[in-house]
Amino acid sequence: MKKVISILCLFWLSLSFAQVKWMTIENALKAQKEHPKKIFIDFYADWCGPCKIMDKKTYGHEVIAKMLNDNYYPVKFNAEDKKTIEAFGRKFSNPNTLQKKGRNSLHEFTQYMNVGAVPSTVFLDESGNPITLLQGELSAKELEPYLELMSNGMYKKIKTRQQWEDYQKKFKSKIKD
C-alpha cells in the first residue's frame, strides 16, 4: 500500500510542475503555416549554467509555461547542435563540429538568428520574421512582460525607451515574488 501511495504522490508531483511543450523549429514553422502564431526560440548550450537555471526556474514557472504554450510555438534549440535542419527554405548545419569540440562551435541557424551567446531568446512574428533578440539569463518576472508585449502586439507601438518604461510601470505581473 505504501508503494502505491508513493507512486501516486510522485505522479501527482510530476504533473504539478509547469511544463513548456517545446517543439523543433521545423515543426513550429510548419504549425505556423496552418495556424499563425508567434514563435519563441530559446537558444541554449548543454554546458550553460544560466540556461539550466532558466529551464528550471523560468520555463518551469507556471505562469511562463502557460503563456508560452497558449500564445507561442515554443522552440528549444541547442546553439551548438550537430544536426542539420531545414528552415526558411534552406539547410543549416554545424560544419565546425569536426574541427572544434565543446563550446563555441555555433550552429549555422544560431548564427543566422544573430545569436552570439547563450542563453538567448528570439521572438518571431506570425510570418517567421524576427521581432527581437534578448540575451542573457532572464527570471520568470523579467521574461513575463516581454511575453505579454510580444503576444498582444504592443511591441509595434513602443518606439522609445520612455514608452517601454511606461509600459513596464503599467504592467500587472501575474508572478508572485
N, C-alpha and C. Protein backbone atom coordinates (compact mmCIF):
# COMPACT_ATOMS: atom_id res chain seq x y z
N MET A 1 0.82 -1.20 0.00
CA MET A 1 0.00 0.00 0.00
C MET A 1 0.86 1.27 0.00
N LYS A 2 1.96 1.23 0.77
CA LYS A 2 2.86 2.38 0.84
C LYS A 2 3.48 2.67 -0.53
N LYS A 3 3.79 1.59 -1.26
CA LYS A 3 4.39 1.76 -2.59
C LYS A 3 3.40 2.44 -3.54
N VAL A 4 2.15 2.03 -3.48
CA VAL A 4 1.11 2.61 -4.34
C VAL A 4 0.94 4.09 -4.03
N ILE A 5 0.88 4.43 -2.74
CA ILE A 5 0.74 5.83 -2.35
C ILE A 5 1.96 6.64 -2.79
N SER A 6 3.14 6.07 -2.63
CA SER A 6 4.37 6.75 -3.05
C SER A 6 4.38 7.01 -4.55
N ILE A 7 3.99 6.02 -5.32
CA ILE A 7 3.94 6.16 -6.79
C ILE A 7 2.93 7.22 -7.19
N LEU A 8 1.75 7.19 -6.56
CA LEU A 8 0.73 8.19 -6.86
C LEU A 8 1.20 9.61 -6.50
N CYS A 9 1.89 9.74 -5.38
CA CYS A 9 2.43 11.06 -4.98
C CYS A 9 3.46 11.55 -5.98
N LEU A 10 4.35 10.66 -6.41
CA LEU A 10 5.37 11.05 -7.41
C LEU A 10 4.71 11.45 -8.72
N PHE A 11 3.70 10.69 -9.13
CA PHE A 11 2.98 11.01 -10.36
C PHE A 11 2.30 12.37 -10.24
N TRP A 12 1.65 12.63 -9.13
CA TRP A 12 0.98 13.92 -8.90
C TRP A 12 1.98 15.06 -8.90
N LEU A 13 3.13 14.86 -8.25
CA LEU A 13 4.17 15.91 -8.22
C LEU A 13 4.69 16.21 -9.62
N SER A 14 4.88 15.17 -10.42
CA SER A 14 5.40 15.40 -11.78
C SER A 14 4.39 16.18 -12.63
N LEU A 15 3.10 15.97 -12.38
CA LEU A 15 2.08 16.70 -13.13
C LEU A 15 1.89 18.13 -12.62
N SER A 16 2.25 18.37 -11.37
CA SER A 16 2.01 19.69 -10.79
C SER A 16 3.03 20.72 -11.26
N PHE A 17 4.16 20.29 -11.79
CA PHE A 17 5.15 21.23 -12.29
C PHE A 17 4.74 21.68 -13.69
N ALA A 18 4.88 22.97 -13.92
CA ALA A 18 4.52 23.51 -15.23
C ALA A 18 5.52 23.02 -16.27
N GLN A 19 5.03 22.69 -17.43
CA GLN A 19 5.92 22.23 -18.48
C GLN A 19 5.60 22.93 -19.79
N VAL A 20 6.65 23.43 -20.40
CA VAL A 20 6.52 24.03 -21.72
C VAL A 20 6.52 22.88 -22.73
N LYS A 21 5.66 22.98 -23.72
CA LYS A 21 5.59 21.96 -24.77
C LYS A 21 6.53 22.38 -25.91
N TRP A 22 7.81 22.09 -25.72
CA TRP A 22 8.84 22.50 -26.69
C TRP A 22 8.67 21.78 -28.01
N MET A 23 9.03 22.49 -29.09
CA MET A 23 8.95 21.94 -30.45
C MET A 23 10.31 22.15 -31.14
N THR A 24 10.47 21.50 -32.27
CA THR A 24 11.62 21.82 -33.12
C THR A 24 11.26 23.03 -33.96
N ILE A 25 12.25 23.70 -34.51
CA ILE A 25 11.97 24.87 -35.35
C ILE A 25 11.21 24.44 -36.60
N GLU A 26 11.54 23.27 -37.12
CA GLU A 26 10.82 22.80 -38.32
C GLU A 26 9.34 22.59 -38.02
N ASN A 27 9.04 21.97 -36.89
CA ASN A 27 7.64 21.73 -36.52
C ASN A 27 6.90 23.03 -36.22
N ALA A 28 7.59 23.97 -35.60
CA ALA A 28 6.97 25.26 -35.29
C ALA A 28 6.63 26.02 -36.57
N LEU A 29 7.54 26.03 -37.53
CA LEU A 29 7.29 26.74 -38.79
C LEU A 29 6.16 26.07 -39.58
N LYS A 30 6.11 24.74 -39.51
CA LYS A 30 5.03 24.01 -40.18
C LYS A 30 3.69 24.33 -39.52
N ALA A 31 3.65 24.29 -38.19
CA ALA A 31 2.42 24.60 -37.45
C ALA A 31 1.99 26.04 -37.70
N GLN A 32 2.95 26.92 -37.83
CA GLN A 32 2.67 28.34 -38.05
C GLN A 32 1.96 28.57 -39.38
N LYS A 33 2.27 27.76 -40.38
CA LYS A 33 1.60 27.89 -41.68
C LYS A 33 0.12 27.51 -41.58
N GLU A 34 -0.18 26.53 -40.75
CA GLU A 34 -1.56 26.08 -40.60
C GLU A 34 -2.35 26.96 -39.65
N HIS A 35 -1.69 27.41 -38.59
CA HIS A 35 -2.34 28.24 -37.58
C HIS A 35 -1.34 29.31 -37.13
N PRO A 36 -1.37 30.49 -37.75
CA PRO A 36 -0.37 31.53 -37.44
C PRO A 36 -0.33 31.91 -35.95
N LYS A 37 0.86 31.85 -35.43
CA LYS A 37 1.14 32.21 -34.05
C LYS A 37 2.62 32.59 -34.00
N LYS A 38 2.99 33.42 -33.07
CA LYS A 38 4.39 33.80 -32.94
C LYS A 38 5.22 32.60 -32.46
N ILE A 39 6.52 32.67 -32.78
CA ILE A 39 7.45 31.61 -32.35
C ILE A 39 8.41 32.21 -31.33
N PHE A 40 8.64 31.46 -30.28
CA PHE A 40 9.57 31.82 -29.21
C PHE A 40 10.70 30.79 -29.27
N ILE A 41 11.94 31.25 -29.47
CA ILE A 41 13.07 30.31 -29.55
C ILE A 41 14.02 30.55 -28.38
N ASP A 42 14.25 29.49 -27.62
CA ASP A 42 15.24 29.51 -26.54
C ASP A 42 16.52 28.87 -27.07
N PHE A 43 17.57 29.67 -27.24
CA PHE A 43 18.87 29.15 -27.64
C PHE A 43 19.66 28.84 -26.38
N TYR A 44 20.16 27.62 -26.29
CA TYR A 44 20.89 27.17 -25.10
C TYR A 44 22.09 26.34 -25.52
N ALA A 45 22.91 25.95 -24.56
CA ALA A 45 24.00 25.00 -24.77
C ALA A 45 24.01 24.05 -23.59
N ASP A 46 24.45 22.84 -23.82
CA ASP A 46 24.44 21.82 -22.77
C ASP A 46 25.29 22.20 -21.56
N TRP A 47 26.39 22.91 -21.80
CA TRP A 47 27.31 23.28 -20.72
C TRP A 47 26.89 24.54 -19.98
N CYS A 48 25.85 25.23 -20.43
CA CYS A 48 25.48 26.57 -19.94
C CYS A 48 24.70 26.51 -18.62
N GLY A 49 25.32 26.97 -17.54
CA GLY A 49 24.67 27.01 -16.24
C GLY A 49 23.43 27.88 -16.20
N PRO A 50 23.52 29.15 -16.68
CA PRO A 50 22.33 30.01 -16.70
C PRO A 50 21.18 29.42 -17.52
N CYS A 51 21.50 28.65 -18.57
CA CYS A 51 20.45 28.00 -19.37
C CYS A 51 19.70 26.98 -18.52
N LYS A 52 20.43 26.24 -17.70
CA LYS A 52 19.80 25.23 -16.84
C LYS A 52 18.94 25.89 -15.76
N ILE A 53 19.40 27.03 -15.26
CA ILE A 53 18.61 27.77 -14.28
C ILE A 53 17.31 28.25 -14.92
N MET A 54 17.40 28.77 -16.16
CA MET A 54 16.19 29.22 -16.86
C MET A 54 15.24 28.06 -17.10
N ASP A 55 15.77 26.89 -17.47
CA ASP A 55 14.92 25.72 -17.68
C ASP A 55 14.11 25.42 -16.44
N LYS A 56 14.77 25.43 -15.30
CA LYS A 56 14.12 25.06 -14.05
C LYS A 56 13.24 26.17 -13.50
N LYS A 57 13.79 27.36 -13.35
CA LYS A 57 13.08 28.42 -12.64
C LYS A 57 12.21 29.30 -13.54
N THR A 58 12.67 29.60 -14.73
CA THR A 58 11.90 30.48 -15.61
C THR A 58 10.85 29.68 -16.39
N TYR A 59 11.31 28.72 -17.20
CA TYR A 59 10.37 27.95 -18.01
C TYR A 59 9.56 26.97 -17.17
N GLY A 60 10.04 26.65 -15.98
CA GLY A 60 9.30 25.79 -15.07
C GLY A 60 8.24 26.53 -14.27
N HIS A 61 8.22 27.85 -14.41
CA HIS A 61 7.23 28.64 -13.68
C HIS A 61 5.87 28.49 -14.36
N GLU A 62 4.85 28.27 -13.57
CA GLU A 62 3.50 28.01 -14.08
C GLU A 62 2.99 29.11 -15.02
N VAL A 63 3.18 30.37 -14.66
CA VAL A 63 2.69 31.50 -15.47
C VAL A 63 3.43 31.55 -16.81
N ILE A 64 4.74 31.39 -16.78
CA ILE A 64 5.54 31.45 -18.01
C ILE A 64 5.20 30.27 -18.93
N ALA A 65 5.13 29.07 -18.37
CA ALA A 65 4.80 27.89 -19.18
C ALA A 65 3.44 28.06 -19.85
N LYS A 66 2.47 28.56 -19.11
CA LYS A 66 1.13 28.76 -19.68
C LYS A 66 1.16 29.80 -20.79
N MET A 67 1.85 30.93 -20.56
CA MET A 67 1.93 31.97 -21.59
C MET A 67 2.61 31.45 -22.86
N LEU A 68 3.68 30.69 -22.69
CA LEU A 68 4.37 30.14 -23.86
C LEU A 68 3.50 29.14 -24.60
N ASN A 69 2.88 28.23 -23.88
CA ASN A 69 2.05 27.21 -24.53
C ASN A 69 0.81 27.80 -25.18
N ASP A 70 0.22 28.84 -24.58
CA ASP A 70 -1.01 29.43 -25.11
C ASP A 70 -0.77 30.39 -26.28
N ASN A 71 0.31 31.15 -26.23
CA ASN A 71 0.49 32.26 -27.17
C ASN A 71 1.60 32.09 -28.21
N TYR A 72 2.40 31.05 -28.07
CA TYR A 72 3.57 30.88 -28.95
C TYR A 72 3.71 29.42 -29.36
N TYR A 73 4.54 29.22 -30.38
CA TYR A 73 5.09 27.91 -30.65
C TYR A 73 6.47 27.97 -30.01
N PRO A 74 6.65 27.36 -28.83
CA PRO A 74 7.94 27.44 -28.15
C PRO A 74 8.95 26.44 -28.72
N VAL A 75 10.12 26.94 -29.04
CA VAL A 75 11.19 26.13 -29.63
C VAL A 75 12.40 26.18 -28.72
N LYS A 76 13.00 25.04 -28.49
CA LYS A 76 14.25 24.95 -27.74
C LYS A 76 15.30 24.51 -28.75
N PHE A 77 16.36 25.31 -28.90
CA PHE A 77 17.38 25.00 -29.90
C PHE A 77 18.77 25.03 -29.28
N ASN A 78 19.49 23.91 -29.40
CA ASN A 78 20.86 23.83 -28.92
C ASN A 78 21.74 24.63 -29.88
N ALA A 79 22.32 25.71 -29.39
CA ALA A 79 23.11 26.63 -30.22
C ALA A 79 24.34 25.96 -30.83
N GLU A 80 24.73 24.81 -30.29
CA GLU A 80 25.89 24.08 -30.79
C GLU A 80 25.51 22.72 -31.38
N ASP A 81 24.24 22.57 -31.74
CA ASP A 81 23.73 21.30 -32.24
C ASP A 81 24.53 20.82 -33.45
N LYS A 82 24.61 19.51 -33.59
CA LYS A 82 25.35 18.93 -34.70
C LYS A 82 24.44 18.53 -35.86
N LYS A 83 23.11 18.52 -35.62
CA LYS A 83 22.17 18.08 -36.65
C LYS A 83 21.95 19.15 -37.71
N THR A 84 21.67 18.71 -38.92
CA THR A 84 21.28 19.61 -40.00
C THR A 84 19.77 19.81 -39.91
N ILE A 85 19.35 21.06 -40.05
CA ILE A 85 17.92 21.36 -40.03
C ILE A 85 17.55 22.11 -41.30
N GLU A 86 16.25 22.11 -41.61
CA GLU A 86 15.74 22.88 -42.73
C GLU A 86 14.76 23.90 -42.20
N ALA A 87 15.02 25.17 -42.51
CA ALA A 87 14.14 26.26 -42.08
C ALA A 87 14.30 27.42 -43.05
N PHE A 88 13.23 28.14 -43.27
CA PHE A 88 13.24 29.32 -44.14
C PHE A 88 13.78 29.01 -45.53
N GLY A 89 13.47 27.82 -46.03
CA GLY A 89 13.85 27.44 -47.39
C GLY A 89 15.31 27.10 -47.59
N ARG A 90 16.03 26.85 -46.51
CA ARG A 90 17.44 26.47 -46.67
C ARG A 90 17.86 25.48 -45.58
N LYS A 91 19.03 24.88 -45.78
CA LYS A 91 19.56 23.93 -44.80
C LYS A 91 20.62 24.61 -43.95
N PHE A 92 20.59 24.31 -42.66
CA PHE A 92 21.57 24.84 -41.71
C PHE A 92 22.24 23.66 -41.02
N SER A 93 23.56 23.74 -40.89
CA SER A 93 24.30 22.66 -40.22
C SER A 93 25.35 23.27 -39.30
N ASN A 94 26.21 22.43 -38.79
CA ASN A 94 27.29 22.90 -37.94
C ASN A 94 28.57 22.24 -38.43
N PRO A 95 29.15 22.80 -39.50
CA PRO A 95 30.34 22.17 -40.09
C PRO A 95 31.58 22.23 -39.20
N ASN A 96 31.59 23.08 -38.20
CA ASN A 96 32.76 23.21 -37.34
C ASN A 96 32.87 22.12 -36.29
N THR A 97 31.89 21.24 -36.20
CA THR A 97 31.93 20.21 -35.15
C THR A 97 33.08 19.24 -35.36
N LEU A 98 33.55 19.10 -36.59
CA LEU A 98 34.66 18.18 -36.84
C LEU A 98 35.98 18.75 -36.34
N GLN A 99 36.15 20.07 -36.45
CA GLN A 99 37.39 20.69 -36.01
C GLN A 99 37.35 21.10 -34.54
N LYS A 100 36.20 21.50 -34.08
CA LYS A 100 36.05 22.04 -32.73
C LYS A 100 35.15 21.16 -31.90
N LYS A 101 35.52 20.94 -30.67
CA LYS A 101 34.66 20.18 -29.77
C LYS A 101 34.31 21.06 -28.59
N GLY A 102 33.11 20.85 -28.05
CA GLY A 102 32.71 21.62 -26.87
C GLY A 102 32.17 22.98 -27.24
N ARG A 103 32.54 23.96 -26.45
CA ARG A 103 31.99 25.31 -26.59
C ARG A 103 32.40 26.00 -27.89
N ASN A 104 31.56 26.95 -28.29
CA ASN A 104 31.83 27.90 -29.37
C ASN A 104 31.77 27.34 -30.77
N SER A 105 31.28 26.14 -30.96
CA SER A 105 31.06 25.63 -32.29
C SER A 105 29.60 25.89 -32.63
N LEU A 106 29.31 27.14 -33.03
CA LEU A 106 27.92 27.55 -33.21
C LEU A 106 27.31 27.00 -34.49
N HIS A 107 26.09 26.54 -34.36
CA HIS A 107 25.30 26.03 -35.48
C HIS A 107 24.99 27.21 -36.42
N GLU A 108 24.90 26.93 -37.70
CA GLU A 108 24.60 27.98 -38.69
C GLU A 108 23.26 28.65 -38.42
N PHE A 109 22.28 27.90 -37.93
CA PHE A 109 20.99 28.51 -37.62
C PHE A 109 21.12 29.50 -36.47
N THR A 110 21.95 29.18 -35.50
CA THR A 110 22.22 30.09 -34.38
C THR A 110 22.80 31.40 -34.92
N GLN A 111 23.75 31.30 -35.82
CA GLN A 111 24.37 32.48 -36.42
C GLN A 111 23.36 33.25 -37.28
N TYR A 112 22.54 32.52 -38.02
CA TYR A 112 21.52 33.12 -38.88
C TYR A 112 20.55 33.99 -38.06
N MET A 113 20.28 33.57 -36.84
CA MET A 113 19.39 34.32 -35.94
C MET A 113 20.14 35.39 -35.15
N ASN A 114 21.41 35.62 -35.49
CA ASN A 114 22.26 36.62 -34.83
C ASN A 114 22.49 36.35 -33.35
N VAL A 115 22.47 35.10 -32.97
CA VAL A 115 22.73 34.72 -31.59
C VAL A 115 24.22 34.45 -31.45
N GLY A 116 24.86 35.19 -30.54
CA GLY A 116 26.29 35.03 -30.32
C GLY A 116 26.63 34.52 -28.94
N ALA A 117 25.63 34.40 -28.08
CA ALA A 117 25.85 33.94 -26.71
C ALA A 117 24.60 33.24 -26.22
N VAL A 118 24.77 32.36 -25.24
CA VAL A 118 23.64 31.68 -24.64
C VAL A 118 23.61 31.98 -23.16
N PRO A 119 22.45 32.02 -22.56
CA PRO A 119 21.14 31.85 -23.19
C PRO A 119 20.73 33.09 -23.97
N SER A 120 19.99 32.87 -25.03
CA SER A 120 19.40 33.94 -25.82
C SER A 120 17.99 33.52 -26.22
N THR A 121 17.14 34.51 -26.37
CA THR A 121 15.75 34.29 -26.73
C THR A 121 15.44 35.10 -27.97
N VAL A 122 14.82 34.46 -28.95
CA VAL A 122 14.42 35.14 -30.18
C VAL A 122 12.91 35.01 -30.34
N PHE A 123 12.27 36.12 -30.66
CA PHE A 123 10.84 36.14 -30.96
C PHE A 123 10.67 36.31 -32.46
N LEU A 124 9.84 35.46 -33.07
CA LEU A 124 9.50 35.58 -34.49
C LEU A 124 8.01 35.89 -34.59
N ASP A 125 7.64 36.72 -35.58
CA ASP A 125 6.23 37.04 -35.76
C ASP A 125 5.49 35.89 -36.43
N GLU A 126 4.23 36.09 -36.74
CA GLU A 126 3.40 35.03 -37.32
C GLU A 126 3.84 34.61 -38.71
N SER A 127 4.71 35.37 -39.34
CA SER A 127 5.24 35.01 -40.66
C SER A 127 6.65 34.45 -40.58
N GLY A 128 7.19 34.34 -39.37
CA GLY A 128 8.54 33.81 -39.19
C GLY A 128 9.62 34.87 -39.26
N ASN A 129 9.24 36.14 -39.30
CA ASN A 129 10.22 37.22 -39.33
C ASN A 129 10.65 37.59 -37.92
N PRO A 130 11.94 37.92 -37.72
CA PRO A 130 12.40 38.27 -36.37
C PRO A 130 11.75 39.54 -35.84
N ILE A 131 11.39 39.51 -34.56
CA ILE A 131 10.89 40.69 -33.87
C ILE A 131 12.01 41.27 -33.03
N THR A 132 12.57 40.43 -32.16
CA THR A 132 13.66 40.90 -31.30
C THR A 132 14.45 39.73 -30.75
N LEU A 133 15.60 40.06 -30.17
CA LEU A 133 16.51 39.11 -29.55
C LEU A 133 16.81 39.60 -28.14
N LEU A 134 16.69 38.72 -27.16
CA LEU A 134 17.04 39.03 -25.77
C LEU A 134 18.21 38.13 -25.39
N GLN A 135 19.29 38.72 -24.88
CA GLN A 135 20.45 37.91 -24.49
C GLN A 135 20.59 37.88 -22.99
N GLY A 136 20.99 36.74 -22.49
CA GLY A 136 21.26 36.59 -21.08
C GLY A 136 20.16 35.87 -20.34
N GLU A 137 20.47 35.50 -19.11
CA GLU A 137 19.53 34.79 -18.25
C GLU A 137 18.41 35.72 -17.81
N LEU A 138 17.18 35.26 -17.93
CA LEU A 138 16.01 36.02 -17.51
C LEU A 138 15.22 35.23 -16.49
N SER A 139 14.84 35.88 -15.42
CA SER A 139 13.96 35.25 -14.44
C SER A 139 12.54 35.25 -15.01
N ALA A 140 11.67 34.52 -14.38
CA ALA A 140 10.27 34.49 -14.81
C ALA A 140 9.68 35.91 -14.77
N LYS A 141 9.98 36.65 -13.72
CA LYS A 141 9.45 38.00 -13.57
C LYS A 141 10.01 38.95 -14.65
N GLU A 142 11.25 38.73 -15.08
CA GLU A 142 11.85 39.55 -16.13
C GLU A 142 11.31 39.19 -17.51
N LEU A 143 11.05 37.92 -17.75
CA LEU A 143 10.57 37.47 -19.06
C LEU A 143 9.09 37.77 -19.27
N GLU A 144 8.31 37.73 -18.24
CA GLU A 144 6.85 37.88 -18.34
C GLU A 144 6.40 39.12 -19.13
N PRO A 145 6.93 40.33 -18.85
CA PRO A 145 6.44 41.48 -19.63
C PRO A 145 6.77 41.39 -21.12
N TYR A 146 7.89 40.76 -21.46
CA TYR A 146 8.23 40.58 -22.88
C TYR A 146 7.25 39.63 -23.55
N LEU A 147 6.92 38.53 -22.87
CA LEU A 147 5.96 37.57 -23.43
C LEU A 147 4.62 38.24 -23.70
N GLU A 148 4.18 39.05 -22.76
CA GLU A 148 2.91 39.77 -22.90
C GLU A 148 3.01 40.80 -24.04
N LEU A 149 4.08 41.56 -24.04
CA LEU A 149 4.30 42.61 -25.04
C LEU A 149 4.29 42.05 -26.46
N MET A 150 4.97 40.94 -26.66
CA MET A 150 5.05 40.34 -27.99
C MET A 150 3.72 39.69 -28.38
N SER A 151 3.10 38.97 -27.45
CA SER A 151 1.88 38.23 -27.81
C SER A 151 0.72 39.15 -28.13
N ASN A 152 0.62 40.31 -27.46
CA ASN A 152 -0.52 41.20 -27.73
C ASN A 152 -0.23 42.26 -28.80
N GLY A 153 0.97 42.21 -29.38
CA GLY A 153 1.30 43.14 -30.47
C GLY A 153 1.70 44.54 -30.05
N MET A 154 1.81 44.77 -28.74
CA MET A 154 2.19 46.10 -28.25
C MET A 154 3.59 46.51 -28.70
N TYR A 155 4.44 45.54 -29.02
CA TYR A 155 5.80 45.86 -29.45
C TYR A 155 5.81 46.76 -30.70
N LYS A 156 4.73 46.73 -31.46
CA LYS A 156 4.63 47.57 -32.66
C LYS A 156 4.42 49.03 -32.31
N LYS A 157 3.88 49.29 -31.11
CA LYS A 157 3.56 50.66 -30.71
C LYS A 157 4.65 51.30 -29.86
N ILE A 158 5.48 50.50 -29.24
CA ILE A 158 6.52 51.04 -28.36
C ILE A 158 7.77 51.32 -29.19
N LYS A 159 8.11 52.59 -29.31
CA LYS A 159 9.22 53.01 -30.16
C LYS A 159 10.36 53.66 -29.38
N THR A 160 10.11 54.10 -28.17
CA THR A 160 11.15 54.80 -27.41
C THR A 160 11.37 54.12 -26.07
N ARG A 161 12.50 54.44 -25.47
CA ARG A 161 12.81 53.92 -24.14
C ARG A 161 11.76 54.36 -23.12
N GLN A 162 11.31 55.60 -23.25
CA GLN A 162 10.31 56.12 -22.32
C GLN A 162 9.00 55.34 -22.43
N GLN A 163 8.59 55.01 -23.66
CA GLN A 163 7.37 54.22 -23.85
C GLN A 163 7.53 52.83 -23.22
N TRP A 164 8.73 52.24 -23.35
CA TRP A 164 8.98 50.93 -22.75
C TRP A 164 8.92 51.03 -21.23
N GLU A 165 9.51 52.05 -20.66
CA GLU A 165 9.48 52.24 -19.21
C GLU A 165 8.05 52.46 -18.71
N ASP A 166 7.27 53.23 -19.46
CA ASP A 166 5.87 53.45 -19.11
C ASP A 166 5.09 52.13 -19.16
N TYR A 167 5.35 51.33 -20.19
CA TYR A 167 4.70 50.02 -20.32
C TYR A 167 5.01 49.14 -19.11
N GLN A 168 6.29 49.11 -18.71
CA GLN A 168 6.70 48.29 -17.58
C GLN A 168 6.03 48.75 -16.28
N LYS A 169 5.87 50.05 -16.10
CA LYS A 169 5.23 50.58 -14.89
C LYS A 169 3.75 50.16 -14.83
N LYS A 170 3.10 50.14 -15.98
CA LYS A 170 1.67 49.80 -16.04
C LYS A 170 1.43 48.29 -16.04
N PHE A 171 2.47 47.53 -16.37
CA PHE A 171 2.33 46.08 -16.49
C PHE A 171 1.96 45.45 -15.15
N LYS A 172 0.94 44.64 -15.15
CA LYS A 172 0.49 43.94 -13.94
C LYS A 172 0.98 42.49 -14.01
N SER A 173 1.99 42.20 -13.23
CA SER A 173 2.57 40.86 -13.22
C SER A 173 1.63 39.85 -12.57
N LYS A 174 1.62 38.65 -13.13
CA LYS A 174 0.85 37.54 -12.56
C LYS A 174 1.75 36.69 -11.66
N ILE A 175 3.03 37.06 -11.61
CA ILE A 175 4.01 36.29 -10.85
C ILE A 175 4.17 36.90 -9.47
N LYS A 176 4.02 36.05 -8.47
CA LYS A 176 4.18 36.48 -7.08
C LYS A 176 5.65 36.33 -6.70
N ASP A 177 6.17 37.30 -5.96
CA ASP A 177 7.57 37.23 -5.52
C ASP A 177 7.78 36.18 -4.46
